Amino acid sequence: MVQNPQPETGLKKRAMRGTVFSLAEFGASNLLRLVSNLILTRLLFPEAFGMMAIVQVFMSGLQMFSDVGIRTSITLSKSGDDPDYLNTAWTVQILRGAILWLVAFAISGPVARFYDEPLLAQLLPVVALNALFAGFMSTNIATANRHLRLGRQTALNIGSQVLALALNIALAFWLRSVWALIWGGLASTVFMVVASHTLMPGIRNRLRWHRSSFGELIRFGKWIFLSTIAGFAMNQADRAILGKFITLDQLGVYTIAFFFGNLPILMARATLGKILGPLYRMRHPSKSEANRRNVLKARRLAVGGLVAMTVPLAYGGGLLIELLYDPRYVLAGPMVVLFAFALPLQLVSLAYGGILLAVGDSRRQFYLTAMTATLQVALMLVGVMTVGVVGVILAPALAAMLIYPLRSRYLNLYNADDPLSDMMMLAVSLALNGYACWLHKDGLLQLLS
């Protein structure tokens, strides 16, 4: 009778510590990105950021198109602590990194011709070395996520970003070109790979091919693979589409707005998967009513905090851009306001992500992701051709709204939907942020012109 509270208490403590570490990493990471942005925008031209936006779209696409859910599988699988399973996953990860580099090399020429930017043919193969090196990352990173032990991982992530920042600034001052951003990123990846093997506790990875472990990785990962293909469209389609419809200068301005306007989404991705994902696995709502109450309470707190972040962005985003950047980036201000208006719909949906995966239902998770991606890309294409960048910013929110009934239906199968609290948070945030849009209507009208 008295044995259950202790594990529950231990889990709560780990979850709280994990939350603190995730928030600390998010805060430090984005502070470093802000410092980097402020310095680099003064050393480089806007088109450098536009060029890197296109490069990152294709690198993210390659990674997502080859993602078999290795880290997610380790975090959620019953075999996630088995050395054979971990070493097989590491071997697959290395092979994936090598294939990514070869594919990037092969497509670099066609991509350069599509965007009419010859420099892309040189940039893509070099940037793809990040994927090759990252393939050797220790599985101990994923094991730390699995057990909500995030302290050392947080320190390493921040350390690698400090190194990248220092190198980016030094190289930008010296080279004054987009190559500065690329070499700094490569150095950061190499540091993180070495540190994951030498400083993270856990097994020493070895090349291993364990047939049953590989089979489990593929069975669980095949739907994640398909989901991440769709996830590419959700997360990167805006820059891929805009890169064809607007100039590199304008894309560079959009990239600055995206950084500020999507801070709540970035925070959600940095924290929810690490905290709510393991909680869903250990205390899934479908197992008991007590689990449902506790897990949904944690979710409401997380989503409420994230949605609340959009309000100061809606009212102060324009002023923030004016204070931090020179007049070349002034149109990023109204873009930030519009991002803040659109984000709550996405945040509400994003926080449900791990519930289906925690019970192994990666098939329905794929259906949701694929349908959302299809709607989002279609809406972006219609939007950019009718109202320009405004349509691209609003498209993800419209897609999330249209797909919500199906998401709710799937979640209800596992006693995990929470529509009343979702509607309450959305009503309050959209009213507040909608008023901010009215206050900034002149700037928003400039985006339409």
Protein backbone atom coordinates (compact mmCIF):
# COMPACT_ATOMS: atom_id res chain seq x y z
CA MET A 1 0.00 0.00 0.00
CA VAL A 2 2.86 2.39 0.65
CA GLN A 3 5.11 1.44 -2.26
CA ASN A 4 3.53 3.53 -5.02
CA PRO A 5 4.12 7.07 -3.71
CA GLN A 6 7.88 6.72 -3.71
CA PRO A 7 8.24 6.01 -7.44
CA GLU A 8 5.65 8.70 -8.16
CA THR A 9 7.60 11.19 -6.05
CA GLY A 10 10.86 10.23 -7.75
CA LEU A 11 9.27 10.66 -11.16
CA LYS A 12 7.90 14.07 -10.22
CA LYS A 13 11.31 15.20 -8.99
CA ARG A 14 12.99 14.05 -12.19
CA ALA A 15 10.29 15.69 -14.27
CA MET A 16 10.71 18.96 -12.37
CA ARG A 17 14.50 18.84 -12.69
CA GLY A 18 14.14 17.99 -16.36
CA THR A 19 11.81 20.94 -16.84
CA VAL A 20 14.27 23.29 -15.14
CA PHE A 21 17.17 22.02 -17.27
CA SER A 22 15.12 22.21 -20.48
CA LEU A 23 14.03 25.76 -19.71
CA ALA A 24 17.60 26.72 -18.82
CA GLU A 25 18.87 25.26 -22.09
CA PHE A 26 16.13 26.98 -24.07
CA GLY A 27 16.82 30.33 -22.41
CA ALA A 28 20.58 30.11 -22.81
CA SER A 29 20.33 28.79 -26.37
CA ASN A 30 18.06 31.56 -27.56
CA LEU A 31 20.01 34.23 -25.71
CA LEU A 32 23.10 33.04 -27.57
CA ARG A 33 21.17 33.01 -30.85
CA LEU A 34 19.99 36.56 -30.18
CA VAL A 35 23.53 37.75 -29.43
CA SER A 36 24.70 35.97 -32.57
CA ASN A 37 21.93 37.56 -34.65
CA LEU A 38 22.62 41.05 -33.35
CA ILE A 39 26.34 40.83 -34.08
CA LEU A 40 26.15 38.93 -37.36
CA THR A 41 23.46 41.17 -38.87
CA ARG A 42 25.96 44.00 -38.48
CA LEU A 43 28.81 42.03 -40.04
CA LEU A 44 26.89 40.29 -42.84
CA PHE A 45 24.25 41.35 -45.37
CA PRO A 46 20.60 40.14 -45.17
CA GLU A 47 21.10 37.91 -48.21
CA ALA A 48 23.60 35.79 -46.20
CA PHE A 49 20.78 34.85 -43.83
CA GLY A 50 18.47 34.25 -46.78
CA MET A 51 21.05 31.93 -48.35
CA MET A 52 21.48 30.00 -45.08
CA ALA A 53 17.70 29.71 -44.76
CA ILE A 54 17.55 27.90 -48.10
CA VAL A 55 20.52 25.67 -47.18
CA GLN A 56 18.92 24.74 -43.85
CA VAL A 57 15.62 23.91 -45.56
CA PHE A 58 17.31 21.27 -47.69
CA MET A 59 19.49 19.91 -44.89
CA SER A 60 16.45 19.61 -42.62
CA GLY A 61 14.60 17.95 -45.46
CA LEU A 62 17.34 15.38 -46.01
CA GLN A 63 17.49 14.60 -42.29
CA MET A 64 13.73 14.25 -42.01
CA PHE A 65 13.43 12.16 -45.18
CA SER A 66 15.91 9.68 -43.69
CA ASP A 67 14.69 9.79 -40.08
CA VAL A 68 13.74 6.36 -38.80
CA GLY A 69 12.98 7.66 -35.31
CA ILE A 70 16.19 6.42 -33.66
CA ARG A 71 16.19 8.88 -30.76
CA THR A 72 12.43 8.58 -30.25
CA SER A 73 12.69 4.78 -30.35
CA ILE A 74 15.38 4.76 -27.66
CA THR A 75 13.34 7.15 -25.51
CA LEU A 76 10.08 5.19 -25.74
CA SER A 77 10.99 1.55 -26.49
CA LYS A 78 10.95 -1.20 -23.84
CA SER A 79 14.38 -2.20 -25.19
CA GLY A 80 15.75 1.32 -24.84
CA ASP A 81 18.38 0.29 -22.24
CA ASP A 82 19.55 -2.90 -24.00
CA PRO A 83 23.18 -2.52 -25.25
CA ASP A 84 22.44 -4.58 -28.39
CA TYR A 85 19.53 -2.29 -29.21
CA LEU A 86 21.56 0.87 -28.54
CA ASN A 87 24.58 -0.24 -30.57
CA THR A 88 22.39 -1.33 -33.48
CA ALA A 89 20.70 2.07 -33.36
CA TRP A 90 24.12 3.76 -33.37
CA THR A 91 25.22 1.73 -36.40
CA VAL A 92 22.05 2.66 -38.30
CA GLN A 93 22.60 6.29 -37.32
CA ILE A 94 26.12 6.28 -38.81
CA LEU A 95 24.90 4.74 -42.07
CA ARG A 96 22.14 7.32 -42.24
CA GLY A 97 24.63 10.19 -41.83
CA ALA A 98 26.82 8.88 -44.65
CA ILE A 99 23.83 8.49 -46.99
CA LEU A 100 22.68 12.01 -46.17
CA TRP A 101 26.03 13.48 -47.17
CA LEU A 102 26.04 11.58 -50.48
CA VAL A 103 22.49 12.70 -51.31
CA ALA A 104 23.31 16.33 -50.44
CA PHE A 105 26.31 16.17 -52.75
CA ALA A 106 24.14 14.75 -55.54
CA ILE A 107 21.35 17.35 -55.31
CA SER A 108 23.53 20.43 -54.77
CA GLY A 109 23.72 21.25 -58.49
CA PRO A 110 19.97 20.92 -59.22
CA VAL A 111 19.09 22.96 -56.12
CA ALA A 112 21.48 25.74 -57.18
CA ARG A 113 19.87 25.84 -60.63
CA PHE A 114 16.32 25.85 -59.22
CA TYR A 115 17.01 28.91 -57.06
CA ASP A 116 19.41 30.44 -59.61
CA GLU A 117 22.07 30.72 -56.88
CA PRO A 118 25.35 29.04 -58.02
CA LEU A 119 26.89 29.33 -54.54
CA LEU A 120 24.40 26.73 -53.24
CA ALA A 121 26.25 24.05 -55.24
CA GLN A 122 29.30 24.67 -53.03
CA LEU A 123 27.48 25.24 -49.75
CA LEU A 124 25.24 22.16 -49.57
CA PRO A 125 27.96 19.44 -49.61
CA VAL A 126 29.95 21.26 -46.91
CA VAL A 127 26.92 21.86 -44.69
CA ALA A 128 25.98 18.19 -45.15
CA LEU A 129 29.17 17.22 -43.31
CA ASN A 130 27.18 18.12 -40.19
CA ALA A 131 24.94 15.12 -40.86
CA LEU A 132 27.92 12.85 -41.52
CA PHE A 133 29.62 13.86 -38.24
CA ALA A 134 26.37 13.83 -36.22
CA GLY A 135 25.83 10.20 -37.22
CA PHE A 136 28.58 9.31 -34.74
CA MET A 137 26.75 10.99 -31.82
CA SER A 138 26.57 8.69 -28.79
CA THR A 139 23.22 7.09 -27.95
CA ASN A 140 23.82 8.21 -24.36
CA ILE A 141 22.17 11.51 -25.34
CA ALA A 142 18.91 9.68 -26.05
CA THR A 143 19.33 7.54 -22.92
CA ALA A 144 19.54 10.69 -20.80
CA ASN A 145 16.28 11.88 -22.36
CA ARG A 146 14.68 8.50 -21.69
CA HIS A 147 15.36 8.75 -17.96
CA LEU A 148 14.77 12.52 -17.63
CA ARG A 149 18.41 13.09 -16.62
CA LEU A 150 19.15 16.20 -18.60
CA GLY A 151 21.70 18.19 -16.56
CA ARG A 152 24.92 17.15 -18.30
CA GLN A 153 23.28 17.14 -21.73
CA THR A 154 22.08 20.69 -21.14
CA ALA A 155 25.61 21.82 -20.24
CA LEU A 156 27.05 20.20 -23.38
CA ASN A 157 24.42 21.71 -25.66
CA ILE A 158 25.05 25.18 -24.27
CA GLY A 159 28.81 24.69 -24.50
CA SER A 160 28.60 23.69 -28.16
CA GLN A 161 26.51 26.78 -28.92
CA VAL A 162 28.96 29.08 -27.14
CA LEU A 163 31.73 27.60 -29.29
CA ALA A 164 29.66 28.09 -32.46
CA LEU A 165 28.87 31.68 -31.49
CA ALA A 166 32.51 32.57 -30.88
CA LEU A 167 33.64 30.99 -34.14
CA ASN A 168 30.78 32.49 -36.18
CA ILE A 169 31.60 36.00 -34.99
CA ALA A 170 35.35 35.61 -35.50
CA LEU A 171 34.92 34.09 -38.95
CA ALA A 172 32.25 36.62 -39.99
CA PHE A 173 34.60 39.46 -39.03
CA TRP A 174 37.35 37.83 -41.10
CA LEU A 175 35.46 36.36 -44.10
CA ARG A 176 32.39 38.65 -44.33
CA SER A 177 30.49 35.87 -46.10
CA VAL A 178 28.00 33.07 -45.51
CA TRP A 179 30.92 30.63 -45.11
CA ALA A 180 31.45 31.99 -41.60
CA LEU A 181 28.11 30.52 -40.50
CA ILE A 182 28.93 27.16 -42.06
CA TRP A 183 32.38 26.59 -40.52
CA GLY A 184 31.15 27.64 -37.08
CA GLY A 185 28.30 25.13 -37.28
CA LEU A 186 30.63 22.31 -38.29
CA ALA A 187 32.96 22.97 -35.35
CA SER A 188 29.99 22.93 -32.96
CA THR A 189 28.82 19.54 -34.30
CA VAL A 190 32.27 17.97 -33.94
CA PHE A 191 32.52 19.26 -30.36
CA MET A 192 29.13 17.78 -29.47
CA VAL A 193 29.96 14.38 -30.98
CA VAL A 194 33.24 14.11 -29.06
CA ALA A 195 31.63 15.32 -25.83
CA SER A 196 28.73 12.85 -26.14
CA HIS A 197 31.22 9.95 -26.03
CA THR A 198 33.60 11.32 -23.41
CA LEU A 199 31.38 13.25 -20.99
CA MET A 200 27.96 11.56 -21.07
CA PRO A 201 27.44 8.56 -18.74
CA GLY A 202 26.35 5.29 -20.31
CA ILE A 203 27.59 2.57 -22.63
CA ARG A 204 30.53 2.89 -25.00
CA ASN A 205 28.98 2.52 -28.44
CA ARG A 206 30.31 -0.16 -30.77
CA LEU A 207 29.34 -1.13 -34.30
CA ARG A 208 26.69 -3.85 -33.93
CA TRP A 209 24.01 -5.40 -36.11
CA HIS A 210 21.49 -7.21 -33.91
CA ARG A 211 18.72 -8.49 -36.17
CA SER A 212 15.82 -8.40 -33.70
CA SER A 213 16.83 -4.93 -32.47
CA PHE A 214 17.02 -3.68 -36.04
CA GLY A 215 13.59 -5.17 -36.71
CA GLU A 216 12.14 -3.38 -33.69
CA LEU A 217 13.72 -0.09 -34.78
CA ILE A 218 12.18 -0.44 -38.24
CA ARG A 219 8.74 -1.54 -36.98
CA PHE A 220 8.51 1.42 -34.65
CA GLY A 221 10.36 3.80 -36.91
CA LYS A 222 8.61 3.24 -40.24
CA TRP A 223 5.66 5.43 -39.27
CA ILE A 224 7.98 7.97 -37.67
CA PHE A 225 9.92 7.99 -40.94
CA LEU A 226 6.73 8.84 -42.82
CA SER A 227 5.71 11.35 -40.15
CA THR A 228 9.02 13.18 -40.37
CA ILE A 229 8.70 13.47 -44.15
CA ALA A 230 5.40 15.22 -43.51
CA GLY A 231 7.03 17.10 -40.64
CA PHE A 232 9.51 18.58 -43.10
CA ALA A 233 6.63 20.19 -44.95
CA MET A 234 5.20 21.52 -41.69
CA ASN A 235 8.45 22.96 -40.37
CA GLN A 236 10.39 24.03 -43.46
CA ALA A 237 7.93 24.64 -46.30
CA ASP A 238 7.61 28.34 -45.51
CA ARG A 239 11.25 29.10 -46.32
CA ALA A 240 11.33 26.69 -49.27
CA ILE A 241 8.29 28.41 -50.81
CA LEU A 242 9.33 31.96 -49.96
CA GLY A 243 12.80 31.32 -51.37
CA LYS A 244 11.18 30.97 -54.79
CA PHE A 245 8.75 33.90 -54.49
CA ILE A 246 10.78 36.64 -52.76
CA THR A 247 14.36 37.96 -52.87
CA LEU A 248 17.16 36.70 -50.61
CA ASP A 249 17.11 40.09 -48.83
CA GLN A 250 13.42 39.68 -48.01
CA LEU A 251 13.96 36.06 -46.97
CA GLY A 252 16.70 37.24 -44.60
CA VAL A 253 14.23 39.68 -42.98
CA TYR A 254 11.67 36.88 -42.68
CA THR A 255 14.30 34.67 -41.01
CA ILE A 256 14.85 37.31 -38.30
CA ALA A 257 11.08 37.59 -37.76
CA PHE A 258 10.78 33.80 -37.66
CA PHE A 259 13.36 33.59 -34.87
CA PHE A 260 11.45 35.96 -32.59
CA GLY A 261 7.92 35.09 -33.68
CA ASN A 262 8.43 31.36 -33.20
CA LEU A 263 10.11 31.46 -29.80
CA PRO A 264 7.11 29.75 -28.13
CA ILE A 265 7.16 26.98 -30.76
CA LEU A 266 10.92 26.57 -30.38
CA MET A 267 10.49 26.36 -26.63
CA ALA A 268 7.71 23.79 -27.02
CA ARG A 269 9.90 21.58 -29.20
CA ALA A 270 12.84 21.96 -26.82
CA THR A 271 10.88 21.06 -23.69
CA LEU A 272 7.67 19.14 -24.41
CA GLY A 273 9.35 16.16 -26.05
CA LYS A 274 11.89 15.85 -23.25
CA ILE A 275 9.39 16.25 -20.40
CA LEU A 276 5.88 15.32 -21.50
CA GLY A 277 7.08 12.50 -23.79
CA PRO A 278 8.59 10.38 -20.98
CA LEU A 279 5.65 11.29 -18.71
CA TYR A 280 3.20 10.01 -21.32
CA ARG A 281 5.20 6.76 -21.49
CA MET A 282 5.37 6.28 -17.71
CA ARG A 283 1.90 7.56 -16.78
CA HIS A 284 -0.24 7.26 -19.90
CA PRO A 285 -3.79 8.69 -19.56
CA SER A 286 -5.32 5.50 -20.98
CA LYS A 287 -4.12 3.44 -18.01
CA SER A 288 -6.10 5.13 -15.23
CA GLU A 289 -8.19 8.18 -14.43
CA ALA A 290 -5.52 9.33 -11.97
CA ASN A 291 -2.94 9.26 -14.78
CA ARG A 292 -5.29 11.29 -16.98
CA ARG A 293 -5.77 13.96 -14.31
CA ASN A 294 -2.07 14.27 -13.54
CA VAL A 295 -0.81 14.20 -17.13
CA LEU A 296 -3.41 16.64 -18.44
CA LYS A 297 -2.70 18.95 -15.53
CA ALA A 298 0.99 18.97 -16.51
CA ARG A 299 0.02 19.54 -20.14
CA ARG A 300 -2.28 22.47 -19.27
CA LEU A 301 0.47 24.14 -17.28
CA ALA A 302 2.96 23.68 -20.12
CA VAL A 303 0.61 24.86 -22.87
CA GLY A 304 -0.73 27.73 -20.78
CA GLY A 305 2.78 29.02 -20.21
CA LEU A 306 3.68 28.69 -23.88
CA VAL A 307 0.50 30.40 -25.07
CA ALA A 308 1.07 33.21 -22.56
CA MET A 309 4.46 33.85 -24.19
CA THR A 310 2.71 34.91 -27.39
CA VAL A 311 1.03 37.94 -25.77
CA PRO A 312 4.17 40.05 -25.06
CA LEU A 313 5.44 39.11 -28.52
CA ALA A 314 2.21 40.38 -30.07
CA TYR A 315 2.37 43.74 -28.27
CA GLY A 316 6.13 44.27 -28.14
CA GLY A 317 7.50 42.41 -31.18
CA GLY A 318 7.58 45.46 -33.43
CA LEU A 319 9.31 47.62 -30.83
CA LEU A 320 11.82 44.84 -30.15
CA ILE A 321 12.85 44.69 -33.81
CA GLU A 322 13.18 48.50 -33.99
CA LEU A 323 15.39 48.55 -30.89
CA LEU A 324 17.66 45.66 -31.87
CA TYR A 325 18.06 45.93 -35.64
CA ASP A 326 18.80 48.60 -38.22
CA PRO A 327 16.11 49.88 -40.66
CA ARG A 328 16.82 47.12 -43.20
CA TYR A 329 14.91 44.72 -40.92
CA VAL A 330 11.96 46.98 -39.97
CA LEU A 331 9.33 44.79 -41.68
CA ALA A 332 10.30 41.91 -39.39
CA GLY A 333 8.33 43.75 -36.65
CA PRO A 334 4.80 43.29 -38.04
CA MET A 335 5.73 39.74 -39.04
CA VAL A 336 6.49 38.96 -35.38
CA VAL A 337 3.07 40.35 -34.38
CA LEU A 338 1.35 38.12 -36.95
CA PHE A 339 3.33 35.06 -35.83
CA ALA A 340 2.19 35.69 -32.25
CA PHE A 341 -1.45 35.82 -33.37
CA ALA A 342 -1.16 32.51 -35.26
CA LEU A 343 0.91 30.45 -32.80
CA PRO A 344 -1.65 29.46 -30.09
CA LEU A 345 -3.49 27.13 -32.48
CA GLN A 346 -0.23 25.34 -33.25
CA LEU A 347 0.90 25.17 -29.62
CA VAL A 348 -2.31 23.50 -28.45
CA SER A 349 -1.88 20.74 -31.05
CA LEU A 350 1.87 20.34 -30.58
CA ALA A 351 1.56 19.45 -26.89
CA TYR A 352 -0.49 16.34 -27.74
CA GLY A 353 2.26 14.95 -29.97
CA GLY A 354 3.79 12.31 -27.71
CA ILE A 355 0.55 10.74 -26.45
CA LEU A 356 0.02 8.50 -29.48
CA LEU A 357 3.70 7.57 -29.77
CA ALA A 358 3.85 6.63 -26.08
CA VAL A 359 1.47 3.70 -26.73
CA GLY A 360 3.19 2.79 -30.00
CA ASP A 361 0.46 4.27 -32.21
CA SER A 362 2.89 5.85 -34.67
CA ARG A 363 0.47 5.04 -37.51
CA ARG A 364 -2.21 7.49 -36.36
CA GLN A 365 0.49 10.02 -35.52
CA PHE A 366 1.61 9.77 -39.13
CA TYR A 367 -1.94 10.28 -40.40
CA LEU A 368 -2.25 13.48 -38.36
CA THR A 369 1.13 14.80 -39.43
CA ALA A 370 0.60 13.96 -43.10
CA MET A 371 -2.83 15.56 -43.28
CA THR A 372 -1.63 18.66 -41.43
CA ALA A 373 1.37 18.97 -43.76
CA THR A 374 -0.77 18.59 -46.88
CA LEU A 375 -3.19 21.27 -45.74
CA GLN A 376 -0.38 23.56 -44.61
CA VAL A 377 1.58 23.42 -47.87
CA ALA A 378 -1.57 23.93 -49.94
CA LEU A 379 -2.59 26.91 -47.81
CA MET A 380 0.94 28.37 -48.00
CA LEU A 381 1.00 28.17 -51.78
CA VAL A 382 -2.41 29.80 -52.07
CA GLY A 383 -1.44 32.34 -49.42
CA VAL A 384 1.89 33.41 -50.92
CA MET A 385 0.29 33.88 -54.34
CA THR A 386 -2.59 35.97 -52.96
CA VAL A 387 -1.37 37.90 -49.90
CA GLY A 388 2.37 37.16 -49.90
CA VAL A 389 4.22 36.52 -46.65
CA VAL A 390 1.03 37.10 -44.61
CA GLY A 391 -0.51 33.97 -46.12
CA VAL A 392 2.59 31.91 -45.33
CA ILE A 393 2.57 33.00 -41.67
CA LEU A 394 -1.15 32.26 -41.17
CA ALA A 395 -1.23 28.92 -43.04
CA PRO A 396 0.07 26.70 -40.18
CA ALA A 397 -2.59 28.04 -37.79
CA LEU A 398 -5.38 27.43 -40.30
CA ALA A 399 -4.10 23.88 -40.93
CA ALA A 400 -3.96 23.15 -37.18
CA MET A 401 -7.53 24.41 -36.77
CA LEU A 402 -8.87 22.28 -39.64
CA ILE A 403 -7.16 19.11 -38.38
CA TYR A 404 -8.15 19.57 -34.69
CA PRO A 405 -11.39 17.48 -34.87
CA LEU A 406 -9.50 14.44 -36.21
CA ARG A 407 -6.76 14.90 -33.59
CA SER A 408 -9.39 15.03 -30.86
CA ARG A 409 -11.02 11.86 -32.17
CA TYR A 410 -7.72 9.94 -32.08
CA LEU A 411 -6.85 11.24 -28.62
CA ASN A 412 -10.26 10.24 -27.31
CA LEU A 413 -9.38 6.61 -28.09
CA TYR A 414 -6.79 6.85 -25.30
CA ASN A 415 -8.77 9.04 -22.88
CA ALA A 416 -6.34 11.89 -23.57
CA ASP A 417 -8.25 14.73 -25.24
CA ASP A 418 -8.86 17.98 -23.36
CA PRO A 419 -11.02 20.18 -25.63
CA LEU A 420 -12.53 22.48 -23.00
CA SER A 421 -9.20 23.78 -21.69
CA ASP A 422 -7.94 24.06 -25.28
CA MET A 423 -10.88 26.23 -26.31
CA MET A 424 -10.55 28.45 -23.25
CA MET A 425 -6.84 29.10 -23.86
CA LEU A 426 -7.43 29.75 -27.54
CA ALA A 427 -10.31 32.17 -26.95
CA VAL A 428 -8.32 34.31 -24.51
CA SER A 429 -5.08 34.32 -26.53
CA LEU A 430 -6.72 35.03 -29.89
CA ALA A 431 -8.73 37.91 -28.42
CA LEU A 432 -5.64 39.49 -26.82
CA ASN A 433 -3.36 38.93 -29.80
CA GLY A 434 -6.07 39.95 -32.26
CA TYR A 435 -6.27 43.33 -30.56
CA ALA A 436 -2.47 43.64 -30.89
CA CYS A 437 -2.83 43.04 -34.64
CA TRP A 438 -5.36 45.88 -34.81
CA LEU A 439 -2.91 48.18 -33.00
CA HIS A 440 -0.22 47.26 -35.55
CA LYS A 441 -2.51 47.36 -38.58
CA ASP A 442 -0.37 49.91 -40.46
CA GLY A 443 2.67 47.65 -40.36
CA LEU A 444 0.60 44.61 -41.33
CA LEU A 445 -0.82 46.48 -44.31
CA GLN A 446 2.77 47.14 -45.44
CA LEU A 447 3.31 43.38 -45.64
CA LEU A 448 0.40 43.15 -48.07
CA SER A 449 1.72 45.86 -50.37
